[in-house]
C-alpha cells in the first residue's frame, strides 16, 4: 500500500487522517466517533501521526497537515543527513590520501627487474619538471590535482605560472583537462598570471580537500608523491594500466566532490571592455595575437589575458568556439578606436 510505504499509514491510520482532514479542529472524541473506534485507540494513532507531522494539535483539537509538505520535509532531512555523511567521507578520504597509505599501496605493487617500468621513483628535484612534461606531452586527456605543500616562494610561483600556461596550451590543443585545485593554489595562479581571471584550463574545480599533487596523462603515466606532506621524499611515476585506473578513479572522485571554480566579476573599466571588443573583432578576422597586439598597441600578454577573459565570458575553450558562439549570437562588434 502506497500510503503505508510513504507515511506508515495502515487502513486505520488513513481513516483517522481523513477524518481529521475532513472535519477540521475535531477533538479526540469527535474523531473516534467519525472512524467508529475506541477513544484510546484513536488517541494513540493521532499522537503517532503528530510525531510524523501529519497532524497538528490546536488547543484541544486536531488539524491535518499538507502530506506533500510532510514528504518534502522528510526528504530534506534525509538530504541533510546524506550531505553531512558525504562531507565526512570526503574529508576522511582526503586524510587517507594525505597519510601516504595510498602511495604505499601503489609503491608495493612495484615489480623488480631492470626492464619493468610499473613504478619508478623520482628525486624531489625532478617532480615539478616531470609533471610539466606530462602536461605538455598530453594528447587526449589530463587528470590533475594541485594541493599539498603551500605554494610559497618564488620558485613555486614560477612553477604555478608555467603550469597554468602549460594546461592552457593543452586545452588549446584539444586535450580534455579535468583538475581540482586547493584554494591557495587558485589564488597563487591568479597572482602569478597578473589577473583575477585564469586562462581557460579545462574542467577546473576547487576544493579544500585536495590531498596532494597528482597527474595522469593519456592513461599512460601518472605521478604521485611518496609523502603528500613532504615533496622532499620524492614521487612515484606509475605506468601500470591497472594502477593508472585506480589513480584516475581517485582523481575523478575528488573532482566530483569539488565545487566549480567561481568566475571573478568581469572588469568594469570601459577602456578594458572596448579593448576586449576590439580583440574579439580582430580574432574573428583571423588575426594572430602578435598582429592584434600591434594593431591595438598593447603587449602580447595583455592580448592573451583578454582572450582568456573572452573564453570565460562565453564558456568556450578554443578560438574556433569563441568565433562560432559570438557570431551565432550576433556579438561580434566593430573595432572601436
C-alpha atoms as a PDB file:
ATOM      1  CA  UNK A   1       0.000   0.000   0.000  1.00  0.00           C
ATOM      2  CA  UNK A   2       1.468   3.333  -1.092  1.00  0.00           C
ATOM      3  CA  UNK A   3       0.433   5.364   1.959  1.00  0.00           C
ATOM      4  CA  UNK A   4       1.820   2.728   4.286  1.00  0.00           C
ATOM      5  CA  UNK A   5       5.110   2.888   2.425  1.00  0.00           C
ATOM      6  CA  UNK A   6       5.240   6.702   2.439  1.00  0.00           C
ATOM      7  CA  UNK A   7       3.905   7.511   5.899  1.00  0.00           C
ATOM      8  CA  UNK A   8       3.436   4.194   7.689  1.00  0.00           C
ATOM      9  CA  UNK A   9      -0.352   4.550   7.465  1.00  0.00           C
ATOM     10  CA  UNK A  10      -2.398   1.372   7.529  1.00  0.00           C
ATOM     11  CA  UNK A  11      -6.111   1.353   6.735  1.00  0.00           C
ATOM     12  CA  UNK A  12      -6.994   2.615  10.209  1.00  0.00           C
ATOM     13  CA  UNK A  13      -4.358   5.344  10.070  1.00  0.00           C
ATOM     14  CA  UNK A  14      -5.694   6.543   6.721  1.00  0.00           C
ATOM     15  CA  UNK A  15      -9.215   6.682   8.175  1.00  0.00           C
ATOM     16  CA  UNK A  16      -8.026   8.807  11.117  1.00  0.00           C
ATOM     17  CA  UNK A  17      -6.123  11.215   8.865  1.00  0.00           C
ATOM     18  CA  UNK A  18      -9.086  11.574   6.509  1.00  0.00           C
ATOM     19  CA  UNK A  19     -11.413  12.235   9.423  1.00  0.00           C
ATOM     20  CA  UNK A  20      -9.105  14.994  10.698  1.00  0.00           C
ATOM     21  CA  UNK A  21      -8.739  16.435   7.193  1.00  0.00           C
ATOM     22  CA  UNK A  22     -12.469  16.382   6.524  1.00  0.00           C
ATOM     23  CA  UNK A  23     -13.513  17.678   9.955  1.00  0.00           C
ATOM     24  CA  UNK A  24     -11.019  20.376  10.823  1.00  0.00           C
ATOM     25  CA  UNK A  25     -10.437  21.157  14.502  1.00  0.00           C
ATOM     26  CA  UNK A  26     -12.092  17.970  15.776  1.00  0.00           C
ATOM     27  CA  UNK A  27     -11.220  16.713  19.251  1.00  0.00           C
ATOM     28  CA  UNK A  28     -10.297  13.116  20.020  1.00  0.00           C
ATOM     29  CA  UNK A  29     -13.835  12.123  20.927  1.00  0.00           C
ATOM     30  CA  UNK A  30     -15.190  13.503  17.662  1.00  0.00           C
ATOM     31  CA  UNK A  31     -12.502  11.755  15.622  1.00  0.00           C
ATOM     32  CA  UNK A  32     -13.258   8.480  17.434  1.00  0.00           C
ATOM     33  CA  UNK A  33     -16.897   8.931  16.548  1.00  0.00           C
ATOM     34  CA  UNK A  34     -16.079   9.629  12.893  1.00  0.00           C
ATOM     35  CA  UNK A  35     -13.935   6.491  12.480  1.00  0.00           C
ATOM     36  CA  UNK A  36     -16.018   4.297  14.781  1.00  0.00           C
ATOM     37  CA  UNK A  37     -13.145   3.210  17.017  1.00  0.00           C
ATOM     38  CA  UNK A  38     -12.485   3.464  20.781  1.00  0.00           C
ATOM     39  CA  UNK A  39     -11.051   6.769  22.001  1.00  0.00           C
ATOM     40  CA  UNK A  40      -7.765   5.264  23.383  1.00  0.00           C
ATOM     41  CA  UNK A  41      -7.061   3.583  20.040  1.00  0.00           C
ATOM     42  CA  UNK A  42      -7.750   6.792  18.105  1.00  0.00           C
ATOM     43  CA  UNK A  43      -5.700   8.831  20.581  1.00  0.00           C
ATOM     44  CA  UNK A  44      -2.665   6.562  20.108  1.00  0.00           C
ATOM     45  CA  UNK A  45      -2.935   6.848  16.321  1.00  0.00           C
ATOM     46  CA  UNK A  46      -3.375  10.630  16.453  1.00  0.00           C
ATOM     47  CA  UNK A  47      -0.225  11.034  18.554  1.00  0.00           C
ATOM     48  CA  UNK A  48       1.710   8.775  16.179  1.00  0.00           C
ATOM     49  CA  UNK A  49       0.644  10.912  13.217  1.00  0.00           C
ATOM     50  CA  UNK A  50       1.515  14.077  15.146  1.00  0.00           C
ATOM     51  CA  UNK A  51       5.069  12.791  15.585  1.00  0.00           C
ATOM     52  CA  UNK A  52       5.180  12.116  11.862  1.00  0.00           C
ATOM     53  CA  UNK A  53       3.991  15.682  11.153  1.00  0.00           C
ATOM     54  CA  UNK A  54       0.671  14.683   9.581  1.00  0.00           C
ATOM     55  CA  UNK A  55      -1.497  16.153  12.352  1.00  0.00           C
ATOM     56  CA  UNK A  56      -1.089  19.288  14.468  1.00  0.00           C
ATOM     57  CA  UNK A  57      -2.600  19.999  17.883  1.00  0.00           C
ATOM     58  CA  UNK A  58      -4.524  23.279  18.004  1.00  0.00           C
ATOM     59  CA  UNK A  59      -5.771  23.841  21.540  1.00  0.00           C
ATOM     60  CA  UNK A  60      -7.714  20.670  22.288  1.00  0.00           C
ATOM     61  CA  UNK A  61      -8.432  19.918  18.641  1.00  0.00           C
ATOM     62  CA  UNK A  62      -6.549  18.456  15.713  1.00  0.00           C
ATOM     63  CA  UNK A  63      -5.734  19.809  12.270  1.00  0.00           C
ATOM     64  CA  UNK A  64      -4.444  17.776   9.311  1.00  0.00           C
ATOM     65  CA  UNK A  65      -1.241  18.969   7.629  1.00  0.00           C
ATOM     66  CA  UNK A  66      -0.361  19.005   3.927  1.00  0.00           C
ATOM     67  CA  UNK A  67       1.047  15.496   3.266  1.00  0.00           C
ATOM     68  CA  UNK A  68       3.130  16.746   0.332  1.00  0.00           C
ATOM     69  CA  UNK A  69       4.942  19.193   2.616  1.00  0.00           C
ATOM     70  CA  UNK A  70       5.453  16.436   5.169  1.00  0.00           C
ATOM     71  CA  UNK A  71       7.026  14.263   2.487  1.00  0.00           C
ATOM     72  CA  UNK A  72       9.274  17.114   1.307  1.00  0.00           C
ATOM     73  CA  UNK A  73      10.387  17.794   4.876  1.00  0.00           C
ATOM     74  CA  UNK A  74      11.309  14.146   5.379  1.00  0.00           C
ATOM     75  CA  UNK A  75      13.314  14.082   2.168  1.00  0.00           C
ATOM     76  CA  UNK A  76      15.015  17.362   3.095  1.00  0.00           C
ATOM     77  CA  UNK A  77      16.045  15.844   6.405  1.00  0.00           C
ATOM     78  CA  UNK A  78      17.400  12.786   4.616  1.00  0.00           C
ATOM     79  CA  UNK A  79      19.325  15.012   2.210  1.00  0.00           C
ATOM     80  CA  UNK A  80      20.891  16.912   5.104  1.00  0.00           C
ATOM     81  CA  UNK A  81      21.968  13.645   6.709  1.00  0.00           C
ATOM     82  CA  UNK A  82      23.344  12.339   3.417  1.00  0.00           C
ATOM     83  CA  UNK A  83      25.213  15.579   2.755  1.00  0.00           C
ATOM     84  CA  UNK A  84      26.700  15.521   6.249  1.00  0.00           C
ATOM     85  CA  UNK A  85      27.758  11.904   5.738  1.00  0.00           C
ATOM     86  CA  UNK A  86      29.188  12.764   2.314  1.00  0.00           C
ATOM     87  CA  UNK A  87      31.178  15.691   3.742  1.00  0.00           C
ATOM     88  CA  UNK A  88      32.666  13.454   6.417  1.00  0.00           C
ATOM     89  CA  UNK A  89      33.524  10.853   3.774  1.00  0.00           C
ATOM     90  CA  UNK A  90      35.220  13.463   1.561  1.00  0.00           C
ATOM     91  CA  UNK A  91      37.318  14.750   4.476  1.00  0.00           C
ATOM     92  CA  UNK A  92      38.251  11.256   5.609  1.00  0.00           C
ATOM     93  CA  UNK A  93      39.167  10.185   2.084  1.00  0.00           C
ATOM     94  CA  UNK A  94      41.394  13.255   1.656  1.00  0.00           C
ATOM     95  CA  UNK A  95      43.038  12.484   5.008  1.00  0.00           C
ATOM     96  CA  UNK A  96      43.647   8.912   3.856  1.00  0.00           C
ATOM     97  CA  UNK A  97      45.327  10.077   0.651  1.00  0.00           C
ATOM     98  CA  UNK A  98      47.414  12.619   2.596  1.00  0.00           C
ATOM     99  CA  UNK A  99      48.544   9.937   5.037  1.00  0.00           C
ATOM    100  CA  UNK A 100      50.684   8.284   2.367  1.00  0.00           C
ATOM    101  CA  UNK A 101      48.959   4.923   2.783  1.00  0.00           C
ATOM    102  CA  UNK A 102      47.632   5.084  -0.773  1.00  0.00           C
ATOM    103  CA  UNK A 103      51.119   5.790  -2.145  1.00  0.00           C
ATOM    104  CA  UNK A 104      52.483   2.932  -0.027  1.00  0.00           C
ATOM    105  CA  UNK A 105      49.941   0.605  -1.613  1.00  0.00           C
ATOM    106  CA  UNK A 106      50.921   1.682  -5.115  1.00  0.00           C
ATOM    107  CA  UNK A 107      54.635   1.517  -4.357  1.00  0.00           C
ATOM    108  CA  UNK A 108      54.144  -2.003  -3.050  1.00  0.00           C
ATOM    109  CA  UNK A 109      52.871  -3.027  -6.468  1.00  0.00           C
ATOM    110  CA  UNK A 110      56.284  -2.279  -7.992  1.00  0.00           C
ATOM    111  CA  UNK A 111      57.834  -5.327  -9.583  1.00  0.00           C
ATOM    112  CA  UNK A 112      61.581  -5.964  -9.613  1.00  0.00           C
ATOM    113  CA  UNK A 113      63.545  -6.089 -12.826  1.00  0.00           C
ATOM    114  CA  UNK A 114      65.566  -3.608 -14.920  1.00  0.00           C
ATOM    115  CA  UNK A 115      63.021  -3.593 -17.753  1.00  0.00           C
ATOM    116  CA  UNK A 116      59.876  -3.347 -15.651  1.00  0.00           C
ATOM    117  CA  UNK A 117      58.580   0.222 -15.509  1.00  0.00           C
ATOM    118  CA  UNK A 118      55.445  -0.345 -13.475  1.00  0.00           C
ATOM    119  CA  UNK A 119      56.598   2.107 -10.784  1.00  0.00           C
ATOM    120  CA  UNK A 120      59.744   4.227 -10.681  1.00  0.00           C
ATOM    121  CA  UNK A 121      60.943   6.755  -8.131  1.00  0.00           C
ATOM    122  CA  UNK A 122      61.663  10.424  -8.852  1.00  0.00           C
ATOM    123  CA  UNK A 123      64.024  12.605  -6.863  1.00  0.00           C
ATOM    124  CA  UNK A 124      62.155  15.594  -5.403  1.00  0.00           C
ATOM    125  CA  UNK A 125      64.011  17.962  -7.752  1.00  0.00           C
ATOM    126  CA  UNK A 126      62.503  16.139 -10.722  1.00  0.00           C
ATOM    127  CA  UNK A 127      58.850  16.169  -9.637  1.00  0.00           C
ATOM    128  CA  UNK A 128      57.760  19.566 -10.931  1.00  0.00           C
ATOM    129  CA  UNK A 129      59.618  19.137 -14.213  1.00  0.00           C
ATOM    130  CA  UNK A 130      58.090  15.709 -14.779  1.00  0.00           C
ATOM    131  CA  UNK A 131      54.558  16.984 -14.103  1.00  0.00           C
ATOM    132  CA  UNK A 132      55.090  19.831 -16.575  1.00  0.00           C
ATOM    133  CA  UNK A 133      56.494  17.356 -19.099  1.00  0.00           C
ATOM    134  CA  UNK A 134      53.441  15.091 -18.846  1.00  0.00           C
ATOM    135  CA  UNK A 135      51.042  18.020 -19.276  1.00  0.00           C
ATOM    136  CA  UNK A 136      52.989  19.373 -22.256  1.00  0.00           C
ATOM    137  CA  UNK A 137      53.094  15.983 -23.988  1.00  0.00           C
ATOM    138  CA  UNK A 138      49.448  15.017 -23.349  1.00  0.00           C
ATOM    139  CA  UNK A 139      47.428  14.279 -26.473  1.00  0.00           C
ATOM    140  CA  UNK A 140      43.933  13.328 -25.287  1.00  0.00           C
ATOM    141  CA  UNK A 141      43.305  13.851 -21.564  1.00  0.00           C
ATOM    142  CA  UNK A 142      44.882  15.025 -18.324  1.00  0.00           C
ATOM    143  CA  UNK A 143      43.582  14.396 -14.805  1.00  0.00           C
ATOM    144  CA  UNK A 144      45.271  16.701 -12.324  1.00  0.00           C
ATOM    145  CA  UNK A 145      45.250  17.529  -8.606  1.00  0.00           C
ATOM    146  CA  UNK A 146      47.052  20.556  -7.220  1.00  0.00           C
ATOM    147  CA  UNK A 147      47.289  20.532  -3.448  1.00  0.00           C
ATOM    148  CA  UNK A 148      49.666  19.557  -0.681  1.00  0.00           C
ATOM    149  CA  UNK A 149      52.538  21.828   0.317  1.00  0.00           C
ATOM    150  CA  UNK A 150      51.723  25.539   0.326  1.00  0.00           C
ATOM    151  CA  UNK A 151      52.689  27.449  -2.855  1.00  0.00           C
ATOM    152  CA  UNK A 152      55.255  29.702  -1.183  1.00  0.00           C
ATOM    153  CA  UNK A 153      58.462  31.133  -2.567  1.00  0.00           C
ATOM    154  CA  UNK A 154      59.460  32.492  -5.981  1.00  0.00           C
ATOM    155  CA  UNK A 155      60.237  29.031  -7.349  1.00  0.00           C
ATOM    156  CA  UNK A 156      56.745  27.787  -6.595  1.00  0.00           C
ATOM    157  CA  UNK A 157      55.173  30.910  -8.092  1.00  0.00           C
ATOM    158  CA  UNK A 158      57.138  30.420 -11.311  1.00  0.00           C
ATOM    159  CA  UNK A 159      56.158  26.750 -11.369  1.00  0.00           C
ATOM    160  CA  UNK A 160      52.472  27.615 -10.988  1.00  0.00           C
ATOM    161  CA  UNK A 161      52.720  30.219 -13.728  1.00  0.00           C
ATOM    162  CA  UNK A 162      54.366  27.700 -16.056  1.00  0.00           C
ATOM    163  CA  UNK A 163      51.775  25.080 -15.131  1.00  0.00           C
ATOM    164  CA  UNK A 164      48.868  27.434 -15.835  1.00  0.00           C
ATOM    165  CA  UNK A 165      50.092  28.189 -19.326  1.00  0.00           C
ATOM    166  CA  UNK A 166      51.032  24.549 -19.895  1.00  0.00           C
ATOM    167  CA  UNK A 167      47.462  23.499 -19.115  1.00  0.00           C
ATOM    168  CA  UNK A 168      46.118  26.338 -21.256  1.00  0.00           C
ATOM    169  CA  UNK A 169      48.236  25.110 -24.166  1.00  0.00           C
ATOM    170  CA  UNK A 170      46.943  21.575 -23.626  1.00  0.00           C
ATOM    171  CA  UNK A 171      43.339  22.795 -23.774  1.00  0.00           C
ATOM    172  CA  UNK A 172      44.172  24.760 -26.926  1.00  0.00           C
ATOM    173  CA  UNK A 173      45.459  21.501 -28.470  1.00  0.00           C
ATOM    174  CA  UNK A 174      42.113  19.860 -27.734  1.00  0.00           C
ATOM    175  CA  UNK A 175      43.239  17.908 -24.665  1.00  0.00           C
ATOM    176  CA  UNK A 176      40.459  17.255 -22.140  1.00  0.00           C
ATOM    177  CA  UNK A 177      41.747  18.571 -18.805  1.00  0.00           C
ATOM    178  CA  UNK A 178      39.918  17.802 -15.556  1.00  0.00           C
ATOM    179  CA  UNK A 179      41.614  19.270 -12.488  1.00  0.00           C
ATOM    180  CA  UNK A 180      40.962  20.137  -8.855  1.00  0.00           C
ATOM    181  CA  UNK A 181      42.923  22.903  -7.147  1.00  0.00           C
ATOM    182  CA  UNK A 182      43.240  23.792  -3.479  1.00  0.00           C
ATOM    183  CA  UNK A 183      42.060  27.397  -2.852  1.00  0.00           C
ATOM    184  CA  UNK A 184      45.562  28.658  -2.059  1.00  0.00           C
ATOM    185  CA  UNK A 185      46.789  27.418  -5.439  1.00  0.00           C
ATOM    186  CA  UNK A 186      43.917  29.131  -7.253  1.00  0.00           C
ATOM    187  CA  UNK A 187      44.889  32.380  -5.519  1.00  0.00           C
ATOM    188  CA  UNK A 188      48.566  31.841  -6.351  1.00  0.00           C
ATOM    189  CA  UNK A 189      47.753  31.116 -10.000  1.00  0.00           C
ATOM    190  CA  UNK A 190      45.710  34.288 -10.302  1.00  0.00           C
ATOM    191  CA  UNK A 191      48.506  36.280  -8.701  1.00  0.00           C
ATOM    192  CA  UNK A 192      51.090  34.676 -10.987  1.00  0.00           C
ATOM    193  CA  UNK A 193      49.040  35.444 -14.101  1.00  0.00           C
ATOM    194  CA  UNK A 194      48.634  39.079 -13.029  1.00  0.00           C
ATOM    195  CA  UNK A 195      44.837  38.933 -13.237  1.00  0.00           C
ATOM    196  CA  UNK A 196      41.956  37.659 -11.159  1.00  0.00           C
ATOM    197  CA  UNK A 197      40.907  35.500 -14.085  1.00  0.00           C
ATOM    198  CA  UNK A 198      42.724  32.393 -15.193  1.00  0.00           C
ATOM    199  CA  UNK A 199      43.152  31.396 -18.822  1.00  0.00           C
ATOM    200  CA  UNK A 200      40.886  28.534 -19.968  1.00  0.00           C
ATOM    201  CA  UNK A 201      42.224  25.487 -18.136  1.00  0.00           C
ATOM    202  CA  UNK A 202      39.559  22.926 -18.939  1.00  0.00           C
ATOM    203  CA  UNK A 203      37.227  21.477 -16.359  1.00  0.00           C
ATOM    204  CA  UNK A 204      38.658  23.209 -13.272  1.00  0.00           C
ATOM    205  CA  UNK A 205      37.167  22.743  -9.821  1.00  0.00           C
ATOM    206  CA  UNK A 206      38.221  23.891  -6.358  1.00  0.00           C
ATOM    207  CA  UNK A 207      38.261  22.055  -3.041  1.00  0.00           C
ATOM    208  CA  UNK A 208      39.846  22.437   0.365  1.00  0.00           C
ATOM    209  CA  UNK A 209      40.165  18.631   0.436  1.00  0.00           C
ATOM    210  CA  UNK A 210      42.763  18.229  -2.315  1.00  0.00           C
ATOM    211  CA  UNK A 211      45.185  15.820  -0.641  1.00  0.00           C
ATOM    212  CA  UNK A 212      48.239  16.082  -2.899  1.00  0.00           C
ATOM    213  CA  UNK A 213      49.681  16.909  -6.279  1.00  0.00           C
ATOM    214  CA  UNK A 214      48.939  14.191  -8.793  1.00  0.00           C
ATOM    215  CA  UNK A 215      48.679  13.950 -12.555  1.00  0.00           C
ATOM    216  CA  UNK A 216      47.595  11.287 -15.025  1.00  0.00           C
ATOM    217  CA  UNK A 217      48.263  11.913 -18.717  1.00  0.00           C
ATOM    218  CA  UNK A 218      46.578   9.984 -21.532  1.00  0.00           C
ATOM    219  CA  UNK A 219      46.103   6.950 -19.244  1.00  0.00           C
ATOM    220  CA  UNK A 220      49.774   6.165 -19.918  1.00  0.00           C
ATOM    221  CA  UNK A 221      51.626   7.634 -16.919  1.00  0.00           C
ATOM    222  CA  UNK A 222      50.886   9.119 -13.511  1.00  0.00           C
ATOM    223  CA  UNK A 223      52.877  10.927 -10.841  1.00  0.00           C
ATOM    224  CA  UNK A 224      52.092  10.718  -7.123  1.00  0.00           C
ATOM    225  CA  UNK A 225      54.194  11.994  -4.205  1.00  0.00           C
ATOM    226  CA  UNK A 226      55.620   9.407  -1.844  1.00  0.00           C
ATOM    227  CA  UNK A 227      54.543  11.687   1.018  1.00  0.00           C
ATOM    228  CA  UNK A 228      51.920  14.347   0.116  1.00  0.00           C
ATOM    229  CA  UNK A 229      53.102  16.499   3.013  1.00  0.00           C
ATOM    230  CA  UNK A 230      56.791  16.333   2.156  1.00  0.00           C
ATOM    231  CA  UNK A 231      57.791  16.517  -1.509  1.00  0.00           C
ATOM    232  CA  UNK A 232      61.440  16.122  -0.481  1.00  0.00           C
ATOM    233  CA  UNK A 233      60.764  12.386  -0.215  1.00  0.00           C
ATOM    234  CA  UNK A 234      60.245  12.198  -3.962  1.00  0.00           C
ATOM    235  CA  UNK A 235      57.448  10.848  -6.108  1.00  0.00           C
ATOM    236  CA  UNK A 236      56.265   7.726  -7.889  1.00  0.00           C
ATOM    237  CA  UNK A 237      55.998   7.530 -11.668  1.00  0.00           C
ATOM    238  CA  UNK A 238      53.393   4.881 -12.427  1.00  0.00           C
ATOM    239  CA  UNK A 239      52.821   3.280 -15.818  1.00  0.00           C
ATOM    240  CA  UNK A 240      50.994   0.053 -14.986  1.00  0.00           C
ATOM    241  CA  UNK A 241      47.496   0.196 -16.560  1.00  0.00           C
ATOM    242  CA  UNK A 242      45.766  -1.375 -13.545  1.00  0.00           C
ATOM    243  CA  UNK A 243      47.287   1.209 -11.189  1.00  0.00           C
ATOM    244  CA  UNK A 244      46.518   4.075 -13.572  1.00  0.00           C
ATOM    245  CA  UNK A 245      42.843   3.098 -13.420  1.00  0.00           C
ATOM    246  CA  UNK A 246      42.952   3.311  -9.607  1.00  0.00           C
ATOM    247  CA  UNK A 247      44.641   6.728  -9.616  1.00  0.00           C
ATOM    248  CA  UNK A 248      42.338   8.129 -12.296  1.00  0.00           C
ATOM    249  CA  UNK A 249      39.329   6.943 -10.303  1.00  0.00           C
ATOM    250  CA  UNK A 250      40.722   8.675  -7.202  1.00  0.00           C
ATOM    251  CA  UNK A 251      41.071  11.981  -9.061  1.00  0.00           C
ATOM    252  CA  UNK A 252      37.625  11.690 -10.648  1.00  0.00           C
ATOM    253  CA  UNK A 253      36.015  11.088  -7.234  1.00  0.00           C
ATOM    254  CA  UNK A 254      37.716  14.179  -5.839  1.00  0.00           C
ATOM    255  CA  UNK A 255      36.657  16.123  -8.948  1.00  0.00           C
ATOM    256  CA  UNK A 256      33.007  15.103  -8.498  1.00  0.00           C
ATOM    257  CA  UNK A 257      33.055  16.228  -4.864  1.00  0.00           C
ATOM    258  CA  UNK A 258      34.693  19.598  -5.630  1.00  0.00           C
ATOM    259  CA  UNK A 259      32.988  22.876  -6.492  1.00  0.00           C
ATOM    260  CA  UNK A 260      33.209  24.550  -9.916  1.00  0.00           C
ATOM    261  CA  UNK A 261      35.692  27.388  -9.880  1.00  0.00           C
ATOM    262  CA  UNK A 262      33.764  30.604  -9.323  1.00  0.00           C
ATOM    263  CA  UNK A 263      34.467  33.145 -12.003  1.00  0.00           C
ATOM    264  CA  UNK A 264      35.624  36.543 -10.706  1.00  0.00           C
ATOM    265  CA  UNK A 265      33.464  39.522 -11.627  1.00  0.00           C
ATOM    266  CA  UNK A 266      34.171  40.986 -15.070  1.00  0.00           C
ATOM    267  CA  UNK A 267      36.220  44.126 -15.390  1.00  0.00           C
ATOM    268  CA  UNK A 268      34.135  47.268 -15.066  1.00  0.00           C
ATOM    269  CA  UNK A 269      36.687  49.543 -16.756  1.00  0.00           C
ATOM    270  CA  UNK A 270      35.106  50.814 -20.025  1.00  0.00           C
ATOM    271  CA  UNK A 271      38.554  51.023 -21.639  1.00  0.00           C
ATOM    272  CA  UNK A 272      39.122  47.328 -20.921  1.00  0.00           C
ATOM    273  CA  UNK A 273      35.714  46.471 -22.344  1.00  0.00           C
ATOM    274  CA  UNK A 274      36.436  48.437 -25.526  1.00  0.00           C
ATOM    275  CA  UNK A 275      39.821  46.766 -25.929  1.00  0.00           C
ATOM    276  CA  UNK A 276      38.307  43.312 -25.444  1.00  0.00           C
ATOM    277  CA  UNK A 277      35.640  44.096 -28.024  1.00  0.00           C
ATOM    278  CA  UNK A 278      38.412  45.043 -30.443  1.00  0.00           C
ATOM    279  CA  UNK A 279      40.288  41.837 -29.636  1.00  0.00           C
ATOM    280  CA  UNK A 280      37.109  39.867 -30.296  1.00  0.00           C
ATOM    281  CA  UNK A 281      36.587  41.527 -33.671  1.00  0.00           C
ATOM    282  CA  UNK A 282      40.212  41.012 -34.712  1.00  0.00           C
ATOM    283  CA  UNK A 283      40.110  37.372 -33.655  1.00  0.00           C
ATOM    284  CA  UNK A 284      37.014  36.909 -35.799  1.00  0.00           C
ATOM    285  CA  UNK A 285      39.017  38.232 -38.748  1.00  0.00           C
ATOM    286  CA  UNK A 286      41.615  35.504 -38.167  1.00  0.00           C
ATOM    287  CA  UNK A 287      44.458  37.674 -36.847  1.00  0.00           C
ATOM    288  CA  UNK A 288      47.169  36.240 -34.595  1.00  0.00           C
ATOM    289  CA  UNK A 289      47.964  37.520 -31.109  1.00  0.00           C
ATOM    290  CA  UNK A 290      51.031  39.337 -32.428  1.00  0.00           C
ATOM    291  CA  UNK A 291      49.017  41.161 -35.089  1.00  0.00           C
ATOM    292  CA  UNK A 292      46.295  42.058 -32.579  1.00  0.00           C
ATOM    293  CA  UNK A 293      48.865  43.371 -30.100  1.00  0.00           C
ATOM    294  CA  UNK A 294      50.496  45.522 -32.791  1.00  0.00           C
ATOM    295  CA  UNK A 295      47.121  46.769 -34.031  1.00  0.00           C
ATOM    296  CA  UNK A 296      45.977  47.811 -30.555  1.00  0.00           C
ATOM    297  CA  UNK A 297      49.352  48.960 -29.235  1.00  0.00           C
ATOM    298  CA  UNK A 298      49.399  46.538 -26.304  1.00  0.00           C
ATOM    299  CA  UNK A 299      51.601  43.632 -25.245  1.00  0.00           C
ATOM    300  CA  UNK A 300      51.128  40.013 -26.266  1.00  0.00           C
ATOM    301  CA  UNK A 301      50.437  39.181 -22.627  1.00  0.00           C
ATOM    302  CA  UNK A 302      47.595  41.707 -22.494  1.00  0.00           C
ATOM    303  CA  UNK A 303      46.035  40.168 -25.598  1.00  0.00           C
ATOM    304  CA  UNK A 304      46.262  36.697 -24.075  1.00  0.00           C
ATOM    305  CA  UNK A 305      44.633  37.883 -20.872  1.00  0.00           C
ATOM    306  CA  UNK A 306      41.821  39.423 -22.875  1.00  0.00           C
ATOM    307  CA  UNK A 307      41.383  36.213 -24.851  1.00  0.00           C
ATOM    308  CA  UNK A 308      41.208  34.258 -21.575  1.00  0.00           C
ATOM    309  CA  UNK A 309      38.522  36.653 -20.315  1.00  0.00           C
ATOM    310  CA  UNK A 310      36.549  36.211 -23.542  1.00  0.00           C
ATOM    311  CA  UNK A 311      36.817  32.424 -23.304  1.00  0.00           C
ATOM    312  CA  UNK A 312      35.456  32.541 -19.783  1.00  0.00           C
ATOM    313  CA  UNK A 313      32.704  35.025 -20.588  1.00  0.00           C
ATOM    314  CA  UNK A 314      31.390  32.811 -23.397  1.00  0.00           C
ATOM    315  CA  UNK A 315      32.203  29.466 -21.738  1.00  0.00           C
ATOM    316  CA  UNK A 316      34.397  28.172 -24.566  1.00  0.00           C
ATOM    317  CA  UNK A 317      37.827  26.559 -24.704  1.00  0.00           C
ATOM    318  CA  UNK A 318      39.090  27.395 -28.197  1.00  0.00           C
ATOM    319  CA  UNK A 319      39.236  30.337 -30.579  1.00  0.00           C
ATOM    320  CA  UNK A 320      37.136  28.461 -33.090  1.00  0.00           C
ATOM    321  CA  UNK A 321      34.366  28.001 -30.482  1.00  0.00           C
ATOM    322  CA  UNK A 322      34.682  31.643 -29.475  1.00  0.00           C
ATOM    323  CA  UNK A 323      34.169  32.804 -33.040  1.00  0.00           C
ATOM    324  CA  UNK A 324      31.266  30.419 -33.612  1.00  0.00           C
ATOM    325  CA  UNK A 325      29.424  31.359 -30.424  1.00  0.00           C
ATOM    326  CA  UNK A 326      29.870  35.093 -30.739  1.00  0.00           C
ATOM    327  CA  UNK A 327      28.922  35.054 -34.428  1.00  0.00           C
ATOM    328  CA  UNK A 328      25.799  32.969 -33.812  1.00  0.00           C
ATOM    329  CA  UNK A 329      24.698  35.342 -31.076  1.00  0.00           C
ATOM    330  CA  UNK A 330      25.447  38.445 -33.124  1.00  0.00           C
ATOM    331  CA  UNK A 331      28.009  39.594 -30.594  1.00  0.00           C
ATOM    332  CA  UNK A 332      30.859  40.429 -32.957  1.00  0.00           C
ATOM    333  CA  UNK A 333      31.367  44.195 -32.594  1.00  0.00           C
ATOM    334  CA  UNK A 334      33.129  46.589 -34.925  1.00  0.00           C
ATOM    335  CA  UNK A 335      36.603  47.675 -33.860  1.00  0.00           C
ATOM    336  CA  UNK A 336      36.344  50.728 -31.656  1.00  0.00           C
ATOM    337  CA  UNK A 337      39.001  53.402 -31.938  1.00  0.00           C
END
